[in-house]
Amino acid sequence: MKIFRSDQVREIDALTMTHEPVASIDLMERAARRLAGWYVRHFHTDRKVIIFAGPGNNGGDALAMARLLAWVPMRAVSFSLVI
């Protein structure tokens, strides 16, 4: 798994939106679907999931993932952090 700094993620997002083209909201939904799908394949649905979402687009990804996991249904709880 690769881990990127926030400035790298912003650059990757901008390149993706320019070259595909895809809207920011659709990119956010795509990321949430992929991560939620991975989580459901690797963990039992009776497990409680706590998601902390920070400000910005990555926080939006986290909230979208919480929404998708709640549909599974998984016991997803999300907290939005305001800094």
Protein backbone atom coordinates (compact mmCIF):
# COMPACT_ATOMS: atom_id res chain seq x y z
CA MET A 1 0.00 0.00 0.00
CA LYS A 2 1.30 3.45 -0.87
CA ILE A 3 0.76 6.34 1.50
CA PHE A 4 0.74 9.86 0.09
CA ARG A 5 1.06 13.24 1.77
CA SER A 6 -1.91 15.59 1.47
CA ASP A 7 -0.12 17.77 -1.11
CA GLN A 8 0.55 14.68 -3.23
CA VAL A 9 -3.09 13.60 -3.01
CA ARG A 10 -4.24 17.05 -4.15
CA GLU A 11 -1.88 16.85 -7.13
CA ILE A 12 -3.03 13.32 -8.02
CA ASP A 13 -6.70 14.38 -7.75
CA ALA A 14 -6.09 17.42 -9.98
CA LEU A 15 -4.31 15.31 -12.61
CA THR A 16 -7.10 12.72 -12.56
CA MET A 17 -9.85 15.35 -12.90
CA THR A 18 -7.99 16.96 -15.81
CA HIS A 19 -7.10 13.83 -17.74
CA GLU A 20 -10.18 11.61 -17.38
CA PRO A 21 -12.16 14.12 -17.03
CA VAL A 22 -14.12 13.46 -13.86
CA ALA A 23 -15.78 15.87 -11.43
CA SER A 24 -14.42 16.19 -7.90
CA ILE A 25 -17.63 14.77 -6.38
CA ASP A 26 -17.46 11.74 -8.69
CA LEU A 27 -13.81 11.18 -7.78
CA MET A 28 -14.78 11.33 -4.11
CA GLU A 29 -17.56 8.78 -4.65
CA ARG A 30 -15.21 6.51 -6.58
CA ALA A 31 -12.68 6.54 -3.74
CA ALA A 32 -15.40 5.86 -1.17
CA ARG A 33 -16.80 2.93 -3.19
CA ARG A 34 -13.37 1.33 -3.58
CA LEU A 35 -12.47 1.66 0.09
CA ALA A 36 -15.91 0.55 1.33
CA GLY A 37 -15.78 -2.44 -1.01
CA TRP A 38 -12.34 -3.41 0.26
CA TYR A 39 -13.50 -3.08 3.86
CA VAL A 40 -16.59 -5.25 3.33
CA ARG A 41 -14.50 -7.97 1.67
CA HIS A 42 -12.01 -8.06 4.56
CA PHE A 43 -14.14 -7.58 7.68
CA HIS A 44 -17.39 -9.01 9.07
CA THR A 45 -20.47 -6.84 8.72
CA ASP A 46 -21.31 -7.20 12.42
CA ARG A 47 -18.21 -5.18 13.29
CA LYS A 48 -18.65 -1.57 14.42
CA VAL A 49 -16.78 0.92 12.23
CA ILE A 50 -15.75 4.33 13.56
CA ILE A 51 -14.66 6.82 10.91
CA PHE A 52 -13.03 10.15 11.70
CA ALA A 53 -13.32 12.64 8.85
CA GLY A 54 -11.15 15.72 8.71
CA PRO A 55 -11.71 18.83 6.64
CA GLY A 56 -11.31 18.87 2.88
CA ASN A 57 -11.83 16.30 0.17
CA ASN A 58 -10.35 13.40 2.14
CA GLY A 59 -12.91 14.11 4.85
CA GLY A 60 -15.58 13.98 2.17
CA ASP A 61 -14.23 10.59 1.05
CA ALA A 62 -14.51 9.35 4.64
CA LEU A 63 -18.10 10.56 5.06
CA ALA A 64 -19.09 9.00 1.73
CA MET A 65 -17.50 5.72 2.86
CA ALA A 66 -19.48 5.86 6.12
CA ARG A 67 -22.68 6.36 4.11
CA LEU A 68 -21.89 3.38 1.87
CA LEU A 69 -21.03 1.13 4.82
CA ALA A 70 -24.30 2.06 6.52
CA TRP A 71 -26.14 0.74 3.45
CA VAL A 72 -24.39 -2.68 3.70
CA PRO A 73 -25.59 -2.59 6.61
CA MET A 74 -22.57 -2.11 8.80
CA ARG A 75 -22.62 -0.31 12.08
CA ALA A 76 -20.78 2.75 10.82
CA VAL A 77 -20.37 5.81 12.99
CA SER A 78 -18.69 8.90 11.62
CA PHE A 79 -17.28 11.98 13.25
CA SER A 80 -16.45 15.11 11.31
CA LEU A 81 -13.52 17.02 12.77
CA VAL A 82 -13.44 20.77 12.40
CA ILE A 83 -10.03 22.32 12.71
